[in-house]
Each structure stands twice: as C-alpha cells, then as structure tokens.
Amino acid sequence: MTETPAPAEQRDYRDTVFLPKTDFPMKAGLPQKEPLILAKWLEGNLEAKIRAARAGRDQFILHDGPPYANGDMHIGHALNHILKDMVVRTQTLKGKDAPYVPGWDCHGLPIEWKVEEQYRKKKLNKDEVPVEEFRAECRAYAQHWVDT
C-alpha cells in the first residue's frame, strides 16, 4: 500500500516579487476611460490644427472607399484601413497636407460581379438588362452591405 504524500506547504510569493511602484492603476477601466479620452481629443481639435498647419503645402490625397460595400467585414478590411492610415500619417509627418478623405472609391467590379451572379442564377443576361436598372441593382446591393 502506498502512502499519499503530505500536501505541500502553500507559500505566499507576494513578498518575493519586486515590482516598481507606479501611479498606474491596476485596472485599465477602458470602458470608462475611452469616452473621456475621445472627448479630450475632440476638445483639443487636433485634426483642425494639423489641417491649418499644413494649409498651402503640397497635397497628398488618398481616397478611402468603404470596404464593406460588397460583403461582410473581414481582417483584410482592417489591414486595408491600417495601411491607408499609416500612409496618410506618414505623408502628414513629412510635411504634406494629407487629410483623410472618406469616399466611395471601392472599385465597382466586385459589386457588379455579385449582381451578375444573381442574374446567372436566374438565367438572365446582364447585357439584356437596361443599364440604369443594372446600376440601380448594384447601388441597392452596395447599400445593403453598407447598412449591414
């Protein structure tokens, strides 16, 4: 018959860890802090100050179309926005007037292709549909995803 070993003594290691003392709180409390940080940024009006400081300089415009106009959001959309943001910020830091310009530059082909796929399922030919009707269907398709 084997004997069960005695339970190990529970040691409190709190006094053996030497961390620096800081004024940082132990909890970030982001849900409470984020609105305050955003309000401070808006109050400081940094974007307007940057625009004023860059007025009259060489411009760099990078239109940012909505990535969500042709399907569900995915990690590629995040990468797209991050890269465009980095480019705009870099151009601003280089002294250019590089405002963020949201727009509808989302190349319509994927939207058109999706509408054409719906046509093919119904055995319809896109070329037999009036252009205005096809464009309206493309706009409705894009609007569906923007709303989503």
N, C-alpha and C. Protein backbone atom coordinates (compact mmCIF):
# COMPACT_ATOMS: atom_id res chain seq x y z
N MET A 1 0.85 -1.17 0.00
CA MET A 1 0.00 0.00 0.00
C MET A 1 0.90 1.24 0.00
N THR A 2 0.62 2.20 -0.93
CA THR A 2 1.43 3.41 -0.97
C THR A 2 0.78 4.51 -0.16
N GLU A 3 1.65 5.30 0.41
CA GLU A 3 1.14 6.42 1.22
C GLU A 3 1.00 7.66 0.36
N THR A 4 -0.02 8.42 0.63
CA THR A 4 -0.22 9.69 -0.07
C THR A 4 0.73 10.71 0.53
N PRO A 5 1.46 11.46 -0.36
CA PRO A 5 2.39 12.43 0.18
C PRO A 5 1.66 13.56 0.90
N ALA A 6 2.31 14.11 1.87
CA ALA A 6 1.71 15.22 2.63
C ALA A 6 1.56 16.42 1.70
N PRO A 7 0.48 17.20 1.86
CA PRO A 7 0.29 18.37 0.99
C PRO A 7 1.45 19.35 1.16
N ALA A 8 1.88 19.89 0.01
CA ALA A 8 3.00 20.85 0.06
C ALA A 8 2.53 22.11 0.77
N GLU A 9 3.46 22.70 1.46
CA GLU A 9 3.14 23.92 2.20
C GLU A 9 2.85 25.03 1.19
N GLN A 10 1.74 25.72 1.36
CA GLN A 10 1.39 26.83 0.48
C GLN A 10 2.24 28.03 0.86
N ARG A 11 3.01 28.50 -0.10
CA ARG A 11 3.90 29.62 0.18
C ARG A 11 3.35 30.87 -0.50
N ASP A 12 3.38 31.95 0.16
CA ASP A 12 2.94 33.22 -0.39
C ASP A 12 4.15 33.90 -1.04
N TYR A 13 4.14 33.98 -2.35
CA TYR A 13 5.27 34.53 -3.08
C TYR A 13 5.16 36.05 -3.26
N ARG A 14 4.14 36.66 -2.72
CA ARG A 14 3.93 38.09 -2.89
C ARG A 14 5.14 38.92 -2.46
N ASP A 15 5.77 38.53 -1.41
CA ASP A 15 6.91 39.30 -0.90
C ASP A 15 8.21 39.00 -1.64
N THR A 16 8.19 38.05 -2.58
CA THR A 16 9.42 37.71 -3.29
C THR A 16 9.49 38.36 -4.67
N VAL A 17 8.41 39.00 -5.10
CA VAL A 17 8.37 39.66 -6.41
C VAL A 17 8.58 41.14 -6.17
N PHE A 18 9.61 41.68 -6.79
CA PHE A 18 9.94 43.09 -6.58
C PHE A 18 9.60 43.88 -7.84
N LEU A 19 8.44 44.49 -7.83
CA LEU A 19 7.99 45.32 -8.94
C LEU A 19 8.08 46.78 -8.56
N PRO A 20 8.33 47.64 -9.53
CA PRO A 20 8.41 49.07 -9.20
C PRO A 20 7.05 49.61 -8.79
N LYS A 21 7.05 50.60 -7.97
CA LYS A 21 5.82 51.27 -7.56
C LYS A 21 5.52 52.35 -8.59
N THR A 22 4.30 52.36 -9.11
CA THR A 22 3.89 53.36 -10.10
C THR A 22 2.56 53.96 -9.70
N ASP A 23 2.19 55.03 -10.40
CA ASP A 23 0.88 55.65 -10.20
C ASP A 23 -0.17 55.03 -11.10
N PHE A 24 0.25 54.09 -11.96
CA PHE A 24 -0.70 53.46 -12.86
C PHE A 24 -1.67 52.60 -12.07
N PRO A 25 -2.96 52.68 -12.42
CA PRO A 25 -3.92 51.83 -11.72
C PRO A 25 -3.75 50.37 -12.13
N MET A 26 -4.16 49.47 -11.26
CA MET A 26 -4.05 48.05 -11.56
C MET A 26 -5.01 47.65 -12.69
N LYS A 27 -6.14 48.34 -12.80
CA LYS A 27 -7.11 48.04 -13.84
C LYS A 27 -7.14 49.19 -14.83
N ALA A 28 -7.23 48.86 -16.10
CA ALA A 28 -7.26 49.91 -17.12
C ALA A 28 -8.59 50.65 -17.14
N GLY A 29 -9.69 49.95 -16.93
CA GLY A 29 -11.00 50.58 -16.92
C GLY A 29 -11.34 51.25 -18.25
N LEU A 30 -10.98 50.60 -19.35
CA LEU A 30 -11.14 51.20 -20.67
C LEU A 30 -12.58 51.61 -20.98
N PRO A 31 -13.59 50.83 -20.63
CA PRO A 31 -14.95 51.28 -20.94
C PRO A 31 -15.30 52.63 -20.32
N GLN A 32 -14.71 52.93 -19.16
CA GLN A 32 -14.96 54.22 -18.53
C GLN A 32 -14.02 55.31 -19.08
N LYS A 33 -12.78 54.94 -19.36
CA LYS A 33 -11.78 55.92 -19.77
C LYS A 33 -11.89 56.33 -21.23
N GLU A 34 -12.28 55.39 -22.10
CA GLU A 34 -12.27 55.68 -23.54
C GLU A 34 -13.13 56.89 -23.90
N PRO A 35 -14.36 57.02 -23.38
CA PRO A 35 -15.14 58.22 -23.71
C PRO A 35 -14.45 59.51 -23.25
N LEU A 36 -13.75 59.47 -22.12
CA LEU A 36 -13.05 60.66 -21.63
C LEU A 36 -11.87 61.00 -22.54
N ILE A 37 -11.14 59.98 -22.98
CA ILE A 37 -10.01 60.20 -23.89
C ILE A 37 -10.51 60.79 -25.21
N LEU A 38 -11.59 60.22 -25.75
CA LEU A 38 -12.15 60.71 -27.01
C LEU A 38 -12.62 62.15 -26.86
N ALA A 39 -13.27 62.47 -25.75
CA ALA A 39 -13.74 63.85 -25.51
C ALA A 39 -12.56 64.81 -25.46
N LYS A 40 -11.46 64.39 -24.85
CA LYS A 40 -10.26 65.24 -24.78
C LYS A 40 -9.70 65.49 -26.18
N TRP A 41 -9.66 64.44 -27.01
CA TRP A 41 -9.17 64.59 -28.38
C TRP A 41 -10.05 65.55 -29.17
N LEU A 42 -11.36 65.38 -29.02
CA LEU A 42 -12.28 66.26 -29.75
C LEU A 42 -12.16 67.70 -29.26
N GLU A 43 -12.00 67.87 -27.97
CA GLU A 43 -11.85 69.22 -27.40
C GLU A 43 -10.56 69.87 -27.89
N GLY A 44 -9.50 69.10 -28.01
CA GLY A 44 -8.22 69.63 -28.48
C GLY A 44 -8.23 69.98 -29.96
N ASN A 45 -9.18 69.41 -30.71
CA ASN A 45 -9.36 69.70 -32.13
C ASN A 45 -8.04 69.57 -32.90
N LEU A 46 -7.33 68.49 -32.65
CA LEU A 46 -6.02 68.27 -33.25
C LEU A 46 -6.08 68.22 -34.78
N GLU A 47 -7.11 67.58 -35.32
CA GLU A 47 -7.22 67.48 -36.79
C GLU A 47 -7.28 68.86 -37.42
N ALA A 48 -8.05 69.79 -36.85
CA ALA A 48 -8.14 71.14 -37.40
C ALA A 48 -6.79 71.86 -37.29
N LYS A 49 -6.08 71.62 -36.20
CA LYS A 49 -4.76 72.24 -36.04
C LYS A 49 -3.77 71.72 -37.08
N ILE A 50 -3.82 70.43 -37.34
CA ILE A 50 -2.95 69.84 -38.36
C ILE A 50 -3.30 70.41 -39.73
N ARG A 51 -4.60 70.46 -40.04
CA ARG A 51 -5.03 70.99 -41.34
C ARG A 51 -4.56 72.44 -41.50
N ALA A 52 -4.69 73.25 -40.44
CA ALA A 52 -4.27 74.66 -40.51
C ALA A 52 -2.75 74.76 -40.70
N ALA A 53 -2.00 73.92 -40.01
CA ALA A 53 -0.54 73.96 -40.11
C ALA A 53 -0.05 73.51 -41.48
N ARG A 54 -0.82 72.67 -42.15
CA ARG A 54 -0.41 72.14 -43.45
C ARG A 54 -1.04 72.91 -44.62
N ALA A 55 -1.85 73.91 -44.34
CA ALA A 55 -2.53 74.66 -45.40
C ALA A 55 -1.50 75.25 -46.37
N GLY A 56 -1.77 75.07 -47.67
CA GLY A 56 -0.89 75.63 -48.69
C GLY A 56 0.29 74.75 -49.06
N ARG A 57 0.49 73.68 -48.35
CA ARG A 57 1.61 72.79 -48.67
C ARG A 57 1.21 71.81 -49.76
N ASP A 58 2.19 71.06 -50.27
CA ASP A 58 1.87 70.04 -51.26
C ASP A 58 0.83 69.10 -50.68
N GLN A 59 -0.15 68.76 -51.51
CA GLN A 59 -1.21 67.87 -51.03
C GLN A 59 -0.91 66.41 -51.38
N PHE A 60 -1.40 65.55 -50.52
CA PHE A 60 -1.38 64.12 -50.76
C PHE A 60 -2.77 63.61 -50.41
N ILE A 61 -3.51 63.18 -51.41
CA ILE A 61 -4.89 62.72 -51.18
C ILE A 61 -4.97 61.23 -51.47
N LEU A 62 -5.43 60.48 -50.51
CA LEU A 62 -5.64 59.05 -50.67
C LEU A 62 -7.10 58.79 -50.31
N HIS A 63 -7.93 58.60 -51.32
CA HIS A 63 -9.34 58.33 -51.07
C HIS A 63 -9.49 56.97 -50.42
N ASP A 64 -10.35 56.91 -49.43
CA ASP A 64 -10.58 55.65 -48.74
C ASP A 64 -12.02 55.26 -48.94
N GLY A 65 -12.25 54.30 -49.80
CA GLY A 65 -13.61 53.84 -50.06
C GLY A 65 -14.06 52.89 -48.98
N PRO A 66 -15.37 52.71 -48.88
CA PRO A 66 -15.89 51.79 -47.85
C PRO A 66 -15.57 50.35 -48.23
N PRO A 67 -14.88 49.62 -47.40
CA PRO A 67 -14.56 48.24 -47.73
C PRO A 67 -15.75 47.32 -47.55
N TYR A 68 -16.82 47.84 -46.99
CA TYR A 68 -17.95 46.99 -46.64
C TYR A 68 -19.08 47.07 -47.65
N ALA A 69 -18.83 47.59 -48.84
CA ALA A 69 -19.90 47.75 -49.82
C ALA A 69 -20.15 46.49 -50.63
N ASN A 70 -19.39 45.44 -50.41
CA ASN A 70 -19.60 44.25 -51.22
C ASN A 70 -19.45 42.95 -50.44
N GLY A 71 -19.74 42.97 -49.16
CA GLY A 71 -19.71 41.74 -48.38
C GLY A 71 -19.40 42.00 -46.92
N ASP A 72 -19.43 40.93 -46.14
CA ASP A 72 -19.15 41.05 -44.71
C ASP A 72 -17.73 41.54 -44.47
N MET A 73 -17.56 42.24 -43.36
CA MET A 73 -16.24 42.72 -42.96
C MET A 73 -15.35 41.51 -42.65
N HIS A 74 -14.05 41.66 -42.94
CA HIS A 74 -13.09 40.62 -42.59
C HIS A 74 -11.75 41.28 -42.28
N ILE A 75 -10.77 40.51 -41.89
CA ILE A 75 -9.49 41.03 -41.43
C ILE A 75 -8.77 41.81 -42.53
N GLY A 76 -9.02 41.48 -43.78
CA GLY A 76 -8.43 42.23 -44.89
C GLY A 76 -8.88 43.67 -44.90
N HIS A 77 -10.13 43.93 -44.47
CA HIS A 77 -10.61 45.30 -44.40
C HIS A 77 -9.84 46.08 -43.34
N ALA A 78 -9.59 45.44 -42.22
CA ALA A 78 -8.82 46.10 -41.16
C ALA A 78 -7.42 46.42 -41.67
N LEU A 79 -6.80 45.48 -42.33
CA LEU A 79 -5.46 45.69 -42.87
C LEU A 79 -5.48 46.86 -43.87
N ASN A 80 -6.48 46.91 -44.73
CA ASN A 80 -6.62 47.98 -45.71
C ASN A 80 -6.65 49.34 -45.01
N HIS A 81 -7.50 49.47 -43.98
CA HIS A 81 -7.61 50.75 -43.28
C HIS A 81 -6.33 51.10 -42.52
N ILE A 82 -5.72 50.11 -41.91
CA ILE A 82 -4.48 50.37 -41.16
C ILE A 82 -3.39 50.86 -42.11
N LEU A 83 -3.23 50.19 -43.24
CA LEU A 83 -2.20 50.61 -44.19
C LEU A 83 -2.46 52.00 -44.74
N LYS A 84 -3.72 52.29 -45.10
CA LYS A 84 -4.04 53.63 -45.61
C LYS A 84 -3.81 54.68 -44.53
N ASP A 85 -4.16 54.38 -43.29
CA ASP A 85 -3.94 55.31 -42.19
C ASP A 85 -2.45 55.58 -42.02
N MET A 86 -1.64 54.53 -42.11
CA MET A 86 -0.19 54.70 -41.98
C MET A 86 0.36 55.58 -43.09
N VAL A 87 -0.12 55.40 -44.31
CA VAL A 87 0.35 56.20 -45.44
C VAL A 87 -0.02 57.66 -45.24
N VAL A 88 -1.27 57.92 -44.87
CA VAL A 88 -1.72 59.31 -44.66
C VAL A 88 -0.94 59.96 -43.53
N ARG A 89 -0.74 59.25 -42.43
CA ARG A 89 0.01 59.81 -41.30
C ARG A 89 1.47 60.07 -41.67
N THR A 90 2.06 59.15 -42.42
CA THR A 90 3.44 59.34 -42.85
C THR A 90 3.58 60.56 -43.73
N GLN A 91 2.66 60.74 -44.66
CA GLN A 91 2.71 61.91 -45.54
C GLN A 91 2.50 63.20 -44.74
N THR A 92 1.66 63.15 -43.72
CA THR A 92 1.46 64.31 -42.85
C THR A 92 2.75 64.63 -42.09
N LEU A 93 3.39 63.59 -41.57
CA LEU A 93 4.64 63.80 -40.83
C LEU A 93 5.75 64.32 -41.74
N LYS A 94 5.66 64.01 -43.03
CA LYS A 94 6.64 64.51 -43.99
C LYS A 94 6.35 65.96 -44.38
N GLY A 95 5.29 66.55 -43.80
CA GLY A 95 5.00 67.95 -44.03
C GLY A 95 3.95 68.24 -45.08
N LYS A 96 3.37 67.22 -45.67
CA LYS A 96 2.36 67.43 -46.69
C LYS A 96 0.99 67.64 -46.07
N ASP A 97 0.12 68.25 -46.85
CA ASP A 97 -1.28 68.39 -46.45
C ASP A 97 -1.96 67.10 -46.89
N ALA A 98 -2.14 66.18 -45.97
CA ALA A 98 -2.66 64.85 -46.29
C ALA A 98 -3.89 64.56 -45.44
N PRO A 99 -5.03 65.14 -45.79
CA PRO A 99 -6.24 64.87 -45.00
C PRO A 99 -6.78 63.48 -45.27
N TYR A 100 -7.49 62.95 -44.31
CA TYR A 100 -8.20 61.69 -44.52
C TYR A 100 -9.45 62.01 -45.33
N VAL A 101 -9.63 61.34 -46.46
CA VAL A 101 -10.76 61.61 -47.34
C VAL A 101 -11.58 60.34 -47.51
N PRO A 102 -12.66 60.21 -46.74
CA PRO A 102 -13.52 59.05 -46.96
C PRO A 102 -14.29 59.25 -48.26
N GLY A 103 -14.60 58.18 -48.92
CA GLY A 103 -15.32 58.30 -50.18
C GLY A 103 -15.87 56.98 -50.64
N TRP A 104 -16.21 56.93 -51.91
CA TRP A 104 -16.80 55.74 -52.48
C TRP A 104 -15.89 55.14 -53.54
N ASP A 105 -14.60 55.20 -53.32
CA ASP A 105 -13.64 54.65 -54.26
C ASP A 105 -13.41 53.18 -53.96
N CYS A 106 -14.43 52.36 -54.20
CA CYS A 106 -14.33 50.94 -53.82
C CYS A 106 -14.39 50.03 -55.03
N HIS A 107 -13.92 50.49 -56.15
CA HIS A 107 -13.96 49.77 -57.43
C HIS A 107 -15.20 48.89 -57.53
N GLY A 108 -16.08 49.25 -58.43
CA GLY A 108 -17.39 48.62 -58.52
C GLY A 108 -17.41 47.20 -59.02
N LEU A 109 -16.33 46.71 -59.57
CA LEU A 109 -16.36 45.38 -60.17
C LEU A 109 -16.87 44.29 -59.23
N PRO A 110 -16.40 44.19 -57.97
CA PRO A 110 -16.94 43.12 -57.12
C PRO A 110 -18.45 43.24 -56.93
N ILE A 111 -18.96 44.46 -56.84
CA ILE A 111 -20.40 44.65 -56.68
C ILE A 111 -21.10 44.20 -57.96
N GLU A 112 -20.60 44.65 -59.09
CA GLU A 112 -21.20 44.25 -60.37
C GLU A 112 -21.16 42.74 -60.53
N TRP A 113 -20.04 42.14 -60.15
CA TRP A 113 -19.90 40.69 -60.29
C TRP A 113 -20.94 39.96 -59.44
N LYS A 114 -21.16 40.44 -58.22
CA LYS A 114 -22.13 39.80 -57.34
C LYS A 114 -23.55 39.91 -57.91
N VAL A 115 -23.88 41.07 -58.48
CA VAL A 115 -25.20 41.25 -59.08
C VAL A 115 -25.32 40.34 -60.31
N GLU A 116 -24.26 40.24 -61.09
CA GLU A 116 -24.26 39.36 -62.26
C GLU A 116 -24.44 37.89 -61.83
N GLU A 117 -23.83 37.51 -60.71
CA GLU A 117 -24.01 36.15 -60.20
C GLU A 117 -25.48 35.88 -59.92
N GLN A 118 -26.16 36.87 -59.32
CA GLN A 118 -27.60 36.72 -59.05
C GLN A 118 -28.37 36.57 -60.36
N TYR A 119 -27.97 37.32 -61.38
CA TYR A 119 -28.60 37.20 -62.70
C TYR A 119 -28.41 35.79 -63.26
N ARG A 120 -27.17 35.29 -63.17
CA ARG A 120 -26.88 33.97 -63.72
C ARG A 120 -27.72 32.88 -63.04
N LYS A 121 -27.93 33.01 -61.75
CA LYS A 121 -28.78 32.05 -61.04
C LYS A 121 -30.20 32.07 -61.58
N LYS A 122 -30.64 33.24 -62.04
CA LYS A 122 -32.00 33.39 -62.59
C LYS A 122 -32.01 33.18 -64.11
N LYS A 123 -30.87 32.77 -64.66
CA LYS A 123 -30.72 32.55 -66.10
C LYS A 123 -30.98 33.84 -66.90
N LEU A 124 -30.52 34.98 -66.33
CA LEU A 124 -30.64 36.27 -67.01
C LEU A 124 -29.29 36.68 -67.56
N ASN A 125 -29.32 37.47 -68.63
CA ASN A 125 -28.10 38.01 -69.22
C ASN A 125 -28.01 39.49 -68.85
N LYS A 126 -26.93 39.86 -68.23
CA LYS A 126 -26.74 41.25 -67.79
C LYS A 126 -26.88 42.23 -68.95
N ASP A 127 -26.38 41.83 -70.10
CA ASP A 127 -26.39 42.73 -71.26
C ASP A 127 -27.79 42.98 -71.80
N GLU A 128 -28.77 42.19 -71.39
CA GLU A 128 -30.15 42.38 -71.84
C GLU A 128 -30.95 43.25 -70.88
N VAL A 129 -30.33 43.64 -69.76
CA VAL A 129 -30.99 44.50 -68.76
C VAL A 129 -30.60 45.94 -69.04
N PRO A 130 -31.55 46.88 -68.99
CA PRO A 130 -31.19 48.29 -69.19
C PRO A 130 -30.11 48.73 -68.20
N VAL A 131 -29.17 49.54 -68.68
CA VAL A 131 -28.03 49.97 -67.87
C VAL A 131 -28.49 50.63 -66.57
N GLU A 132 -29.51 51.49 -66.65
CA GLU A 132 -30.00 52.19 -65.46
C GLU A 132 -30.52 51.21 -64.41
N GLU A 133 -31.19 50.16 -64.88
CA GLU A 133 -31.72 49.15 -63.96
C GLU A 133 -30.58 48.37 -63.31
N PHE A 134 -29.57 48.01 -64.11
CA PHE A 134 -28.42 47.28 -63.58
C PHE A 134 -27.68 48.13 -62.54
N ARG A 135 -27.46 49.40 -62.85
CA ARG A 135 -26.79 50.29 -61.90
C ARG A 135 -27.60 50.44 -60.62
N ALA A 136 -28.91 50.53 -60.76
CA ALA A 136 -29.76 50.65 -59.57
C ALA A 136 -29.64 49.40 -58.70
N GLU A 137 -29.59 48.23 -59.34
CA GLU A 137 -29.44 46.99 -58.57
C GLU A 137 -28.07 46.93 -57.89
N CYS A 138 -27.03 47.42 -58.57
CA CYS A 138 -25.69 47.46 -57.97
C CYS A 138 -25.69 48.40 -56.77
N ARG A 139 -26.32 49.57 -56.92
CA ARG A 139 -26.40 50.53 -55.81
C ARG A 139 -27.16 49.92 -54.63
N ALA A 140 -28.26 49.23 -54.92
CA ALA A 140 -29.04 48.60 -53.85
C ALA A 140 -28.22 47.51 -53.15
N TYR A 141 -27.47 46.75 -53.94
CA TYR A 141 -26.62 45.70 -53.36
C TYR A 141 -25.58 46.32 -52.42
N ALA A 142 -24.91 47.37 -52.90
CA ALA A 142 -23.90 48.04 -52.07
C ALA A 142 -24.55 48.62 -50.82
N GLN A 143 -25.72 49.25 -50.98
CA GLN A 143 -26.39 49.87 -49.83
C GLN A 143 -26.76 48.83 -48.79
N HIS A 144 -27.15 47.63 -49.25
CA HIS A 144 -27.45 46.55 -48.32
C HIS A 144 -26.25 46.27 -47.40
N TRP A 145 -25.05 46.21 -47.99
CA TRP A 145 -23.86 45.90 -47.20
C TRP A 145 -23.42 47.09 -46.36
N VAL A 146 -23.64 48.29 -46.84
CA VAL A 146 -23.34 49.48 -46.02
C VAL A 146 -24.25 49.48 -44.80
N ASP A 147 -25.52 49.18 -45.00
CA ASP A 147 -26.47 49.11 -43.87
C ASP A 147 -26.11 48.00 -42.90
N THR A 148 -25.64 46.87 -43.45
CA THR A 148 -25.25 45.73 -42.60
C THR A 148 -24.08 46.14 -41.72
